[in-house]
């Protein structure tokens, strides 16, 4: 590295400190010349070829950069005392203490939100739909937990077209030194319009984080599990595999996107499978009070569904979101 480069780096550091310490007295610098001489002076200005310094005895001096080896800042004892005595800057963006869900201490330090979507029309046709959801997510160096609960009800011409509920939870056991992790999860579904009344499924396996930054998480999962249906025309136990991909992306300060697709091949009949896809886009409307708009898509394809029932169960939602 050349003398000019060293000088430029040292000077940049000097100016940065000088701006930060401007309330104190002028900063002094120790300047070492290529011939071995040293000067302690105030650095006044710089051009492409020269430094201009003010020496307490020699006055203002112009130094050729080719003759300067290093420039090092000197902090006097009085400056050091002023720095130590200076009050610490007030952190106006301090995160408030979390007292849990509704101040009860439950789910402390979790990200919690409730969704509410209502739509309807009256006239030539009458219909309405309601969706209510609750999510809670927790992340630490060693644990990642995600919980979702949702209720859907839709009515058209006084006839129900959708009436369902689900709740799910998944836990990842993380290892900070590697992108690999283990997971286990489960889900409970109730649906009035399926060929079963109740379905329970559980699974576990290993996952891998392909990308993990402050703004973007992309991971994959693979594992084994089962689902058990109760009631209706279809009551059966099905062992199944799991292959999934998930991503979460903070597009900017106000927009957040989540996408997940999980494929469940049956281990009893290779021609049967389920595929669950979800997509959520959240736009902060007022960060201060924690209100946001969420648009969501959810679809489940089940190849084993009876012929008189659609194999696709597609839902779209528009909801207001409140952070709890």
C-alpha atoms as a PDB file:
ATOM      1  CA  UNK A   1       0.000   0.000   0.000  1.00  0.00           C
ATOM      2  CA  UNK A   2       1.432   3.412  -1.003  1.00  0.00           C
ATOM      3  CA  UNK A   3       2.122   6.339   1.288  1.00  0.00           C
ATOM      4  CA  UNK A   4      -0.713   8.265  -0.343  1.00  0.00           C
ATOM      5  CA  UNK A   5      -3.170   5.467   0.371  1.00  0.00           C
ATOM      6  CA  UNK A   6      -2.071   5.197   3.996  1.00  0.00           C
ATOM      7  CA  UNK A   7      -2.412   8.916   4.363  1.00  0.00           C
ATOM      8  CA  UNK A   8      -5.868   8.958   2.829  1.00  0.00           C
ATOM      9  CA  UNK A   9      -7.089   6.181   5.126  1.00  0.00           C
ATOM     10  CA  UNK A  10      -5.674   7.884   8.184  1.00  0.00           C
ATOM     11  CA  UNK A  11      -7.121  11.207   7.148  1.00  0.00           C
ATOM     12  CA  UNK A  12     -10.586   9.748   6.594  1.00  0.00           C
ATOM     13  CA  UNK A  13     -10.492   8.272  10.097  1.00  0.00           C
ATOM     14  CA  UNK A  14      -9.337  11.607  11.455  1.00  0.00           C
ATOM     15  CA  UNK A  15     -12.118  13.599   9.823  1.00  0.00           C
ATOM     16  CA  UNK A  16     -14.740  11.080  11.008  1.00  0.00           C
ATOM     17  CA  UNK A  17     -13.601  11.434  14.587  1.00  0.00           C
ATOM     18  CA  UNK A  18     -13.306  15.200  14.211  1.00  0.00           C
ATOM     19  CA  UNK A  19     -16.937  15.498  13.146  1.00  0.00           C
ATOM     20  CA  UNK A  20     -18.102  13.365  16.045  1.00  0.00           C
ATOM     21  CA  UNK A  21     -15.985  15.239  18.558  1.00  0.00           C
ATOM     22  CA  UNK A  22     -16.615  18.745  17.257  1.00  0.00           C
ATOM     23  CA  UNK A  23     -18.055  19.931  20.632  1.00  0.00           C
ATOM     24  CA  UNK A  24     -14.604  19.279  22.129  1.00  0.00           C
ATOM     25  CA  UNK A  25     -11.428  21.171  21.405  1.00  0.00           C
ATOM     26  CA  UNK A  26      -9.644  20.832  18.009  1.00  0.00           C
ATOM     27  CA  UNK A  27      -8.110  17.404  17.474  1.00  0.00           C
ATOM     28  CA  UNK A  28      -4.311  17.059  17.233  1.00  0.00           C
ATOM     29  CA  UNK A  29      -2.527  14.618  14.934  1.00  0.00           C
ATOM     30  CA  UNK A  30       0.866  12.941  15.057  1.00  0.00           C
ATOM     31  CA  UNK A  31       2.358  13.126  11.569  1.00  0.00           C
ATOM     32  CA  UNK A  32       5.309  10.892  10.688  1.00  0.00           C
ATOM     33  CA  UNK A  33       7.414  11.914   7.713  1.00  0.00           C
ATOM     34  CA  UNK A  34       9.303   9.542   5.439  1.00  0.00           C
ATOM     35  CA  UNK A  35      12.630  10.904   6.746  1.00  0.00           C
ATOM     36  CA  UNK A  36      11.732   9.813  10.289  1.00  0.00           C
ATOM     37  CA  UNK A  37      10.733  13.220  11.681  1.00  0.00           C
ATOM     38  CA  UNK A  38       7.450  13.605  13.590  1.00  0.00           C
ATOM     39  CA  UNK A  39       5.121  16.568  14.033  1.00  0.00           C
ATOM     40  CA  UNK A  40       2.191  17.023  16.399  1.00  0.00           C
ATOM     41  CA  UNK A  41      -0.173  19.538  14.842  1.00  0.00           C
ATOM     42  CA  UNK A  42      -3.792  20.275  14.012  1.00  0.00           C
ATOM     43  CA  UNK A  43      -4.772  19.022  10.568  1.00  0.00           C
ATOM     44  CA  UNK A  44      -6.502  21.952   8.895  1.00  0.00           C
ATOM     45  CA  UNK A  45      -7.184  20.889   5.287  1.00  0.00           C
ATOM     46  CA  UNK A  46      -6.198  18.527   2.497  1.00  0.00           C
ATOM     47  CA  UNK A  47      -5.802  18.655  -1.262  1.00  0.00           C
ATOM     48  CA  UNK A  48      -4.848  15.929  -3.705  1.00  0.00           C
ATOM     49  CA  UNK A  49      -1.174  16.705  -3.195  1.00  0.00           C
ATOM     50  CA  UNK A  50      -0.795  18.438   0.190  1.00  0.00           C
ATOM     51  CA  UNK A  51      -1.803  18.470   3.847  1.00  0.00           C
ATOM     52  CA  UNK A  52      -2.140  21.839   5.582  1.00  0.00           C
ATOM     53  CA  UNK A  53      -1.445  21.690   9.329  1.00  0.00           C
ATOM     54  CA  UNK A  54      -1.193  24.256  12.135  1.00  0.00           C
ATOM     55  CA  UNK A  55       1.778  23.718  14.428  1.00  0.00           C
ATOM     56  CA  UNK A  56       1.755  25.444  17.867  1.00  0.00           C
ATOM     57  CA  UNK A  57       5.289  26.823  17.283  1.00  0.00           C
ATOM     58  CA  UNK A  58       5.875  26.780  13.525  1.00  0.00           C
ATOM     59  CA  UNK A  59       2.418  28.007  12.627  1.00  0.00           C
ATOM     60  CA  UNK A  60       0.672  26.926   9.414  1.00  0.00           C
ATOM     61  CA  UNK A  61       2.673  24.430   7.363  1.00  0.00           C
ATOM     62  CA  UNK A  62       1.947  22.860   3.983  1.00  0.00           C
ATOM     63  CA  UNK A  63       3.247  19.268   3.674  1.00  0.00           C
ATOM     64  CA  UNK A  64       3.711  17.353   0.433  1.00  0.00           C
ATOM     65  CA  UNK A  65       1.802  14.054   0.684  1.00  0.00           C
ATOM     66  CA  UNK A  66       4.760  12.227  -0.839  1.00  0.00           C
ATOM     67  CA  UNK A  67       6.736  13.182   2.259  1.00  0.00           C
ATOM     68  CA  UNK A  68       4.110  11.944   4.744  1.00  0.00           C
ATOM     69  CA  UNK A  69       4.255   8.350   5.956  1.00  0.00           C
ATOM     70  CA  UNK A  70       1.388   8.187   8.491  1.00  0.00           C
ATOM     71  CA  UNK A  71      -1.172  10.452  10.129  1.00  0.00           C
ATOM     72  CA  UNK A  72      -2.378   9.388  13.573  1.00  0.00           C
ATOM     73  CA  UNK A  73      -4.849  11.210  15.782  1.00  0.00           C
ATOM     74  CA  UNK A  74      -3.832  12.130  19.311  1.00  0.00           C
ATOM     75  CA  UNK A  75      -6.436  12.430  22.074  1.00  0.00           C
ATOM     76  CA  UNK A  76      -5.310  14.607  24.967  1.00  0.00           C
ATOM     77  CA  UNK A  77      -6.118  13.846  28.590  1.00  0.00           C
ATOM     78  CA  UNK A  78      -8.595  16.734  28.709  1.00  0.00           C
ATOM     79  CA  UNK A  79     -10.368  15.435  25.597  1.00  0.00           C
ATOM     80  CA  UNK A  80     -10.487  11.939  27.058  1.00  0.00           C
ATOM     81  CA  UNK A  81     -12.080  13.354  30.236  1.00  0.00           C
ATOM     82  CA  UNK A  82     -14.633  15.297  28.185  1.00  0.00           C
ATOM     83  CA  UNK A  83     -15.521  12.188  26.193  1.00  0.00           C
ATOM     84  CA  UNK A  84     -15.921  10.119  29.379  1.00  0.00           C
ATOM     85  CA  UNK A  85     -18.038  12.828  31.012  1.00  0.00           C
ATOM     86  CA  UNK A  86     -20.246  13.441  27.976  1.00  0.00           C
ATOM     87  CA  UNK A  87     -23.773  12.097  28.533  1.00  0.00           C
ATOM     88  CA  UNK A  88     -24.722   9.013  26.534  1.00  0.00           C
ATOM     89  CA  UNK A  89     -27.087   9.767  23.660  1.00  0.00           C
ATOM     90  CA  UNK A  90     -30.720   9.130  24.481  1.00  0.00           C
ATOM     91  CA  UNK A  91     -32.154   6.131  22.636  1.00  0.00           C
ATOM     92  CA  UNK A  92     -35.492   7.446  21.466  1.00  0.00           C
ATOM     93  CA  UNK A  93     -36.247   4.215  19.583  1.00  0.00           C
ATOM     94  CA  UNK A  94     -36.002   1.926  22.581  1.00  0.00           C
ATOM     95  CA  UNK A  95     -38.224  -1.088  22.203  1.00  0.00           C
ATOM     96  CA  UNK A  96     -40.990  -1.131  24.826  1.00  0.00           C
ATOM     97  CA  UNK A  97     -41.107  -3.963  27.327  1.00  0.00           C
ATOM     98  CA  UNK A  98     -43.330  -6.833  26.216  1.00  0.00           C
ATOM     99  CA  UNK A  99     -45.784  -7.904  28.925  1.00  0.00           C
ATOM    100  CA  UNK A 100     -47.290 -10.729  26.880  1.00  0.00           C
ATOM    101  CA  UNK A 101     -50.714 -11.237  25.362  1.00  0.00           C
ATOM    102  CA  UNK A 102     -53.064  -8.558  26.768  1.00  0.00           C
ATOM    103  CA  UNK A 103     -50.564  -7.995  29.601  1.00  0.00           C
ATOM    104  CA  UNK A 104     -51.030 -11.519  30.974  1.00  0.00           C
ATOM    105  CA  UNK A 105     -47.416 -12.621  30.532  1.00  0.00           C
ATOM    106  CA  UNK A 106     -48.450 -15.304  28.014  1.00  0.00           C
ATOM    107  CA  UNK A 107     -46.443 -15.513  24.775  1.00  0.00           C
ATOM    108  CA  UNK A 108     -43.960 -12.896  25.999  1.00  0.00           C
ATOM    109  CA  UNK A 109     -41.503 -11.821  23.271  1.00  0.00           C
ATOM    110  CA  UNK A 110     -43.593 -13.522  20.589  1.00  0.00           C
ATOM    111  CA  UNK A 111     -44.814 -11.704  17.467  1.00  0.00           C
ATOM    112  CA  UNK A 112     -48.595 -11.846  17.888  1.00  0.00           C
ATOM    113  CA  UNK A 113     -51.363 -10.632  15.609  1.00  0.00           C
ATOM    114  CA  UNK A 114     -55.067 -11.132  14.988  1.00  0.00           C
ATOM    115  CA  UNK A 115     -56.705 -10.935  11.530  1.00  0.00           C
ATOM    116  CA  UNK A 116     -60.299  -9.997  10.742  1.00  0.00           C
ATOM    117  CA  UNK A 117     -61.840  -9.986   7.295  1.00  0.00           C
ATOM    118  CA  UNK A 118     -65.502  -9.306   6.503  1.00  0.00           C
ATOM    119  CA  UNK A 119     -67.102  -9.024   3.067  1.00  0.00           C
ATOM    120  CA  UNK A 120     -70.649  -9.179   1.713  1.00  0.00           C
ATOM    121  CA  UNK A 121     -73.187  -7.921  -0.786  1.00  0.00           C
ATOM    122  CA  UNK A 122     -76.955  -7.504  -0.998  1.00  0.00           C
ATOM    123  CA  UNK A 123     -79.174  -6.959  -4.036  1.00  0.00           C
ATOM    124  CA  UNK A 124     -79.646  -9.416  -6.863  1.00  0.00           C
ATOM    125  CA  UNK A 125     -77.691 -11.845  -4.757  1.00  0.00           C
ATOM    126  CA  UNK A 126     -76.874 -11.931  -1.090  1.00  0.00           C
ATOM    127  CA  UNK A 127     -73.643 -13.276   0.308  1.00  0.00           C
ATOM    128  CA  UNK A 128     -71.208 -12.651   3.082  1.00  0.00           C
ATOM    129  CA  UNK A 129     -67.981 -14.118   4.316  1.00  0.00           C
ATOM    130  CA  UNK A 130     -65.965 -13.850   7.501  1.00  0.00           C
ATOM    131  CA  UNK A 131     -62.448 -14.961   8.281  1.00  0.00           C
ATOM    132  CA  UNK A 132     -60.734 -14.628  11.646  1.00  0.00           C
ATOM    133  CA  UNK A 133     -57.143 -15.599  12.324  1.00  0.00           C
ATOM    134  CA  UNK A 134     -54.524 -15.552  15.056  1.00  0.00           C
ATOM    135  CA  UNK A 135     -50.789 -16.051  14.566  1.00  0.00           C
ATOM    136  CA  UNK A 136     -47.913 -16.146  17.028  1.00  0.00           C
ATOM    137  CA  UNK A 137     -44.245 -16.558  16.105  1.00  0.00           C
ATOM    138  CA  UNK A 138     -41.191 -16.863  18.313  1.00  0.00           C
ATOM    139  CA  UNK A 139     -37.530 -16.896  17.286  1.00  0.00           C
ATOM    140  CA  UNK A 140     -34.313 -17.212  19.281  1.00  0.00           C
ATOM    141  CA  UNK A 141     -30.831 -18.508  18.511  1.00  0.00           C
ATOM    142  CA  UNK A 142     -31.913 -22.088  19.171  1.00  0.00           C
ATOM    143  CA  UNK A 143     -35.697 -22.140  18.655  1.00  0.00           C
ATOM    144  CA  UNK A 144     -38.212 -21.061  16.028  1.00  0.00           C
ATOM    145  CA  UNK A 145     -41.927 -21.619  16.698  1.00  0.00           C
ATOM    146  CA  UNK A 146     -44.859 -20.760  14.437  1.00  0.00           C
ATOM    147  CA  UNK A 147     -48.531 -20.998  15.395  1.00  0.00           C
ATOM    148  CA  UNK A 148     -51.560 -20.313  13.182  1.00  0.00           C
ATOM    149  CA  UNK A 149     -55.288 -20.523  13.873  1.00  0.00           C
ATOM    150  CA  UNK A 150     -58.018 -19.527  11.402  1.00  0.00           C
ATOM    151  CA  UNK A 151     -61.799 -19.689  11.074  1.00  0.00           C
ATOM    152  CA  UNK A 152     -63.711 -19.304   7.785  1.00  0.00           C
ATOM    153  CA  UNK A 153     -67.422 -18.897   7.157  1.00  0.00           C
ATOM    154  CA  UNK A 154     -69.097 -17.981   3.872  1.00  0.00           C
ATOM    155  CA  UNK A 155     -72.770 -17.840   2.976  1.00  0.00           C
ATOM    156  CA  UNK A 156     -74.461 -17.284  -0.404  1.00  0.00           C
ATOM    157  CA  UNK A 157     -78.236 -16.907  -0.881  1.00  0.00           C
ATOM    158  CA  UNK A 158     -78.734 -18.016   2.731  1.00  0.00           C
ATOM    159  CA  UNK A 159     -76.790 -21.238   2.146  1.00  0.00           C
ATOM    160  CA  UNK A 160     -73.438 -22.030   3.686  1.00  0.00           C
ATOM    161  CA  UNK A 161     -70.651 -22.490   1.160  1.00  0.00           C
ATOM    162  CA  UNK A 162     -67.724 -22.628   3.576  1.00  0.00           C
ATOM    163  CA  UNK A 163     -67.505 -23.406   7.265  1.00  0.00           C
ATOM    164  CA  UNK A 164     -64.120 -24.541   8.514  1.00  0.00           C
ATOM    165  CA  UNK A 165     -61.436 -24.127  11.143  1.00  0.00           C
ATOM    166  CA  UNK A 166     -57.799 -25.118  11.574  1.00  0.00           C
ATOM    167  CA  UNK A 167     -55.026 -24.682  14.097  1.00  0.00           C
ATOM    168  CA  UNK A 168     -51.382 -25.611  13.571  1.00  0.00           C
ATOM    169  CA  UNK A 169     -48.049 -25.359  15.352  1.00  0.00           C
ATOM    170  CA  UNK A 170     -44.499 -26.081  14.228  1.00  0.00           C
ATOM    171  CA  UNK A 171     -41.234 -25.979  16.137  1.00  0.00           C
ATOM    172  CA  UNK A 172     -37.708 -25.855  14.707  1.00  0.00           C
ATOM    173  CA  UNK A 173     -34.669 -26.774  16.791  1.00  0.00           C
ATOM    174  CA  UNK A 174     -31.914 -24.550  15.407  1.00  0.00           C
ATOM    175  CA  UNK A 175     -28.151 -24.909  15.562  1.00  0.00           C
ATOM    176  CA  UNK A 176     -26.402 -21.523  15.164  1.00  0.00           C
ATOM    177  CA  UNK A 177     -23.234 -23.008  13.702  1.00  0.00           C
ATOM    178  CA  UNK A 178     -24.977 -24.805  10.825  1.00  0.00           C
ATOM    179  CA  UNK A 179     -27.950 -24.200   8.494  1.00  0.00           C
ATOM    180  CA  UNK A 180     -29.356 -27.653   9.331  1.00  0.00           C
ATOM    181  CA  UNK A 181     -32.170 -27.969  11.870  1.00  0.00           C
ATOM    182  CA  UNK A 182     -34.767 -30.446  13.134  1.00  0.00           C
ATOM    183  CA  UNK A 183     -38.495 -29.814  13.288  1.00  0.00           C
ATOM    184  CA  UNK A 184     -41.782 -31.283  14.497  1.00  0.00           C
ATOM    185  CA  UNK A 185     -45.306 -30.051  13.957  1.00  0.00           C
ATOM    186  CA  UNK A 186     -48.982 -30.829  13.870  1.00  0.00           C
ATOM    187  CA  UNK A 187     -52.308 -29.535  12.585  1.00  0.00           C
ATOM    188  CA  UNK A 188     -55.991 -30.006  13.404  1.00  0.00           C
ATOM    189  CA  UNK A 189     -58.653 -29.350  10.718  1.00  0.00           C
ATOM    190  CA  UNK A 190     -62.429 -29.241  10.986  1.00  0.00           C
ATOM    191  CA  UNK A 191     -64.501 -28.720   7.824  1.00  0.00           C
ATOM    192  CA  UNK A 192     -68.251 -29.053   7.322  1.00  0.00           C
ATOM    193  CA  UNK A 193     -67.898 -29.521   3.568  1.00  0.00           C
ATOM    194  CA  UNK A 194     -65.291 -32.276   3.372  1.00  0.00           C
ATOM    195  CA  UNK A 195     -65.814 -36.014   3.151  1.00  0.00           C
ATOM    196  CA  UNK A 196     -64.483 -36.150   6.714  1.00  0.00           C
ATOM    197  CA  UNK A 197     -65.388 -34.114   9.797  1.00  0.00           C
ATOM    198  CA  UNK A 198     -62.049 -33.889  11.562  1.00  0.00           C
ATOM    199  CA  UNK A 199     -58.470 -34.445  10.478  1.00  0.00           C
ATOM    200  CA  UNK A 200     -55.322 -34.635  12.605  1.00  0.00           C
ATOM    201  CA  UNK A 201     -51.838 -34.771  11.153  1.00  0.00           C
ATOM    202  CA  UNK A 202     -48.342 -34.709  12.663  1.00  0.00           C
ATOM    203  CA  UNK A 203     -44.870 -34.831  11.182  1.00  0.00           C
ATOM    204  CA  UNK A 204     -41.198 -34.338  11.881  1.00  0.00           C
ATOM    205  CA  UNK A 205     -37.887 -34.324  10.070  1.00  0.00           C
ATOM    206  CA  UNK A 206     -34.905 -32.215   9.089  1.00  0.00           C
ATOM    207  CA  UNK A 207     -34.618 -28.853   7.391  1.00  0.00           C
ATOM    208  CA  UNK A 208     -31.998 -26.666   5.767  1.00  0.00           C
ATOM    209  CA  UNK A 209     -31.759 -22.861   5.634  1.00  0.00           C
ATOM    210  CA  UNK A 210     -30.652 -21.929   2.116  1.00  0.00           C
ATOM    211  CA  UNK A 211     -30.686 -18.176   2.854  1.00  0.00           C
ATOM    212  CA  UNK A 212     -30.862 -16.466   6.237  1.00  0.00           C
ATOM    213  CA  UNK A 213     -30.375 -12.697   6.434  1.00  0.00           C
ATOM    214  CA  UNK A 214     -32.031  -9.899   8.387  1.00  0.00           C
ATOM    215  CA  UNK A 215     -34.537  -9.430   5.535  1.00  0.00           C
ATOM    216  CA  UNK A 216     -34.887 -12.834   3.891  1.00  0.00           C
ATOM    217  CA  UNK A 217     -35.315 -16.433   5.054  1.00  0.00           C
ATOM    218  CA  UNK A 218     -35.495 -19.341   2.596  1.00  0.00           C
ATOM    219  CA  UNK A 219     -35.589 -22.910   3.870  1.00  0.00           C
ATOM    220  CA  UNK A 220     -36.559 -26.439   2.911  1.00  0.00           C
ATOM    221  CA  UNK A 221     -37.957 -29.357   4.877  1.00  0.00           C
ATOM    222  CA  UNK A 222     -38.227 -33.101   4.453  1.00  0.00           C
ATOM    223  CA  UNK A 223     -39.642 -35.670   6.829  1.00  0.00           C
ATOM    224  CA  UNK A 224     -42.296 -38.255   7.679  1.00  0.00           C
ATOM    225  CA  UNK A 225     -45.693 -38.119   9.340  1.00  0.00           C
ATOM    226  CA  UNK A 226     -49.306 -39.211   9.170  1.00  0.00           C
ATOM    227  CA  UNK A 227     -52.843 -37.919   8.968  1.00  0.00           C
ATOM    228  CA  UNK A 228     -55.938 -39.411  10.568  1.00  0.00           C
ATOM    229  CA  UNK A 229     -59.457 -38.459   9.490  1.00  0.00           C
ATOM    230  CA  UNK A 230     -62.581 -38.943  11.593  1.00  0.00           C
ATOM    231  CA  UNK A 231     -66.269 -38.958  10.676  1.00  0.00           C
ATOM    232  CA  UNK A 232     -68.013 -38.441   7.357  1.00  0.00           C
ATOM    233  CA  UNK A 233     -67.548 -40.810   4.429  1.00  0.00           C
ATOM    234  CA  UNK A 234     -63.811 -41.064   4.879  1.00  0.00           C
ATOM    235  CA  UNK A 235     -62.273 -42.280   8.113  1.00  0.00           C
ATOM    236  CA  UNK A 236     -58.760 -43.553   7.627  1.00  0.00           C
ATOM    237  CA  UNK A 237     -55.146 -43.465   8.762  1.00  0.00           C
ATOM    238  CA  UNK A 238     -52.561 -42.450   6.148  1.00  0.00           C
ATOM    239  CA  UNK A 239     -48.776 -42.484   6.674  1.00  0.00           C
ATOM    240  CA  UNK A 240     -47.195 -39.834   4.486  1.00  0.00           C
ATOM    241  CA  UNK A 241     -43.958 -38.111   3.629  1.00  0.00           C
ATOM    242  CA  UNK A 242     -43.243 -34.393   3.656  1.00  0.00           C
ATOM    243  CA  UNK A 243     -41.310 -32.166   1.249  1.00  0.00           C
ATOM    244  CA  UNK A 244     -41.656 -28.429   1.732  1.00  0.00           C
ATOM    245  CA  UNK A 245     -40.215 -25.027   0.947  1.00  0.00           C
ATOM    246  CA  UNK A 246     -40.844 -21.772   2.822  1.00  0.00           C
ATOM    247  CA  UNK A 247     -39.739 -18.174   2.481  1.00  0.00           C
ATOM    248  CA  UNK A 248     -40.224 -14.954   4.430  1.00  0.00           C
ATOM    249  CA  UNK A 249     -39.147 -11.633   2.933  1.00  0.00           C
ATOM    250  CA  UNK A 250     -39.211  -8.121   4.379  1.00  0.00           C
ATOM    251  CA  UNK A 251     -39.515  -6.205   1.108  1.00  0.00           C
ATOM    252  CA  UNK A 252     -39.044  -2.900   2.904  1.00  0.00           C
ATOM    253  CA  UNK A 253     -39.991  -1.236   6.186  1.00  0.00           C
ATOM    254  CA  UNK A 254     -43.719  -1.570   5.450  1.00  0.00           C
ATOM    255  CA  UNK A 255     -44.194  -4.750   3.378  1.00  0.00           C
ATOM    256  CA  UNK A 256     -43.714  -8.391   4.353  1.00  0.00           C
ATOM    257  CA  UNK A 257     -44.295 -11.499   2.221  1.00  0.00           C
ATOM    258  CA  UNK A 258     -44.597 -15.142   3.291  1.00  0.00           C
ATOM    259  CA  UNK A 259     -44.919 -18.174   1.004  1.00  0.00           C
ATOM    260  CA  UNK A 260     -45.009 -21.887   1.786  1.00  0.00           C
ATOM    261  CA  UNK A 261     -45.663 -25.021  -0.238  1.00  0.00           C
ATOM    262  CA  UNK A 262     -45.711 -28.486   1.334  1.00  0.00           C
ATOM    263  CA  UNK A 263     -46.166 -31.761  -0.556  1.00  0.00           C
ATOM    264  CA  UNK A 264     -47.454 -34.799   1.385  1.00  0.00           C
ATOM    265  CA  UNK A 265     -47.106 -38.034  -0.653  1.00  0.00           C
ATOM    266  CA  UNK A 266     -49.006 -41.004   0.717  1.00  0.00           C
ATOM    267  CA  UNK A 267     -46.786 -43.890   1.822  1.00  0.00           C
ATOM    268  CA  UNK A 268     -49.729 -46.299   1.552  1.00  0.00           C
ATOM    269  CA  UNK A 269     -50.746 -45.516  -2.046  1.00  0.00           C
ATOM    270  CA  UNK A 270     -48.211 -43.774  -4.291  1.00  0.00           C
ATOM    271  CA  UNK A 271     -51.015 -42.342  -6.456  1.00  0.00           C
ATOM    272  CA  UNK A 272     -52.430 -40.314  -3.560  1.00  0.00           C
ATOM    273  CA  UNK A 273     -51.026 -37.103  -2.167  1.00  0.00           C
ATOM    274  CA  UNK A 274     -51.887 -33.758  -0.605  1.00  0.00           C
ATOM    275  CA  UNK A 275     -50.365 -30.369  -1.464  1.00  0.00           C
ATOM    276  CA  UNK A 276     -50.793 -27.324   0.774  1.00  0.00           C
ATOM    277  CA  UNK A 277     -49.918 -23.835  -0.536  1.00  0.00           C
ATOM    278  CA  UNK A 278     -50.166 -20.510   1.292  1.00  0.00           C
ATOM    279  CA  UNK A 279     -49.224 -16.941   0.424  1.00  0.00           C
ATOM    280  CA  UNK A 280     -49.561 -13.794   2.588  1.00  0.00           C
ATOM    281  CA  UNK A 281     -48.711 -10.188   1.797  1.00  0.00           C
ATOM    282  CA  UNK A 282     -48.802  -7.778   4.748  1.00  0.00           C
ATOM    283  CA  UNK A 283     -48.720  -3.989   4.343  1.00  0.00           C
ATOM    284  CA  UNK A 284     -48.272  -1.834   7.454  1.00  0.00           C
ATOM    285  CA  UNK A 285     -50.864   0.943   7.520  1.00  0.00           C
ATOM    286  CA  UNK A 286     -49.872   2.434  10.846  1.00  0.00           C
ATOM    287  CA  UNK A 287     -46.801   1.021  12.568  1.00  0.00           C
ATOM    288  CA  UNK A 288     -47.365   3.140  15.682  1.00  0.00           C
ATOM    289  CA  UNK A 289     -50.696   1.475  16.546  1.00  0.00           C
ATOM    290  CA  UNK A 290     -49.799  -1.842  14.858  1.00  0.00           C
ATOM    291  CA  UNK A 291     -52.463  -1.938  12.126  1.00  0.00           C
ATOM    292  CA  UNK A 292     -51.813  -3.601   8.770  1.00  0.00           C
ATOM    293  CA  UNK A 293     -53.590  -4.916   5.693  1.00  0.00           C
ATOM    294  CA  UNK A 294     -53.147  -8.582   4.786  1.00  0.00           C
ATOM    295  CA  UNK A 295     -54.000 -10.279   1.501  1.00  0.00           C
ATOM    296  CA  UNK A 296     -53.831 -14.053   1.623  1.00  0.00           C
ATOM    297  CA  UNK A 297     -54.222 -17.089  -0.593  1.00  0.00           C
ATOM    298  CA  UNK A 298     -54.623 -20.641   0.679  1.00  0.00           C
ATOM    299  CA  UNK A 299     -55.163 -23.835  -1.306  1.00  0.00           C
ATOM    300  CA  UNK A 300     -55.113 -27.521  -0.461  1.00  0.00           C
ATOM    301  CA  UNK A 301     -55.243 -30.221  -3.107  1.00  0.00           C
ATOM    302  CA  UNK A 302     -56.202 -33.698  -1.898  1.00  0.00           C
ATOM    303  CA  UNK A 303     -56.162 -36.427  -4.536  1.00  0.00           C
ATOM    304  CA  UNK A 304     -58.071 -38.849  -2.251  1.00  0.00           C
ATOM    305  CA  UNK A 305     -61.164 -36.614  -1.978  1.00  0.00           C
ATOM    306  CA  UNK A 306     -64.457 -38.212  -3.062  1.00  0.00           C
ATOM    307  CA  UNK A 307     -65.537 -37.532  -6.663  1.00  0.00           C
ATOM    308  CA  UNK A 308     -68.539 -35.348  -5.763  1.00  0.00           C
ATOM    309  CA  UNK A 309     -66.276 -32.943  -3.793  1.00  0.00           C
ATOM    310  CA  UNK A 310     -63.680 -30.658  -5.377  1.00  0.00           C
ATOM    311  CA  UNK A 311     -60.139 -31.857  -4.841  1.00  0.00           C
ATOM    312  CA  UNK A 312     -58.993 -28.210  -4.622  1.00  0.00           C
ATOM    313  CA  UNK A 313     -59.979 -26.146  -1.588  1.00  0.00           C
ATOM    314  CA  UNK A 314     -59.053 -22.589  -2.576  1.00  0.00           C
ATOM    315  CA  UNK A 315     -59.534 -19.530  -0.354  1.00  0.00           C
ATOM    316  CA  UNK A 316     -58.540 -15.906  -0.713  1.00  0.00           C
ATOM    317  CA  UNK A 317     -58.779 -13.376   2.104  1.00  0.00           C
ATOM    318  CA  UNK A 318     -58.446  -9.641   2.659  1.00  0.00           C
ATOM    319  CA  UNK A 319     -58.069  -8.766   6.326  1.00  0.00           C
ATOM    320  CA  UNK A 320     -57.113  -6.040   8.727  1.00  0.00           C
ATOM    321  CA  UNK A 321     -54.360  -7.076  11.091  1.00  0.00           C
ATOM    322  CA  UNK A 322     -53.763  -5.856  14.638  1.00  0.00           C
ATOM    323  CA  UNK A 323     -50.540  -6.569  16.481  1.00  0.00           C
ATOM    324  CA  UNK A 324     -51.251  -7.733  20.031  1.00  0.00           C
END
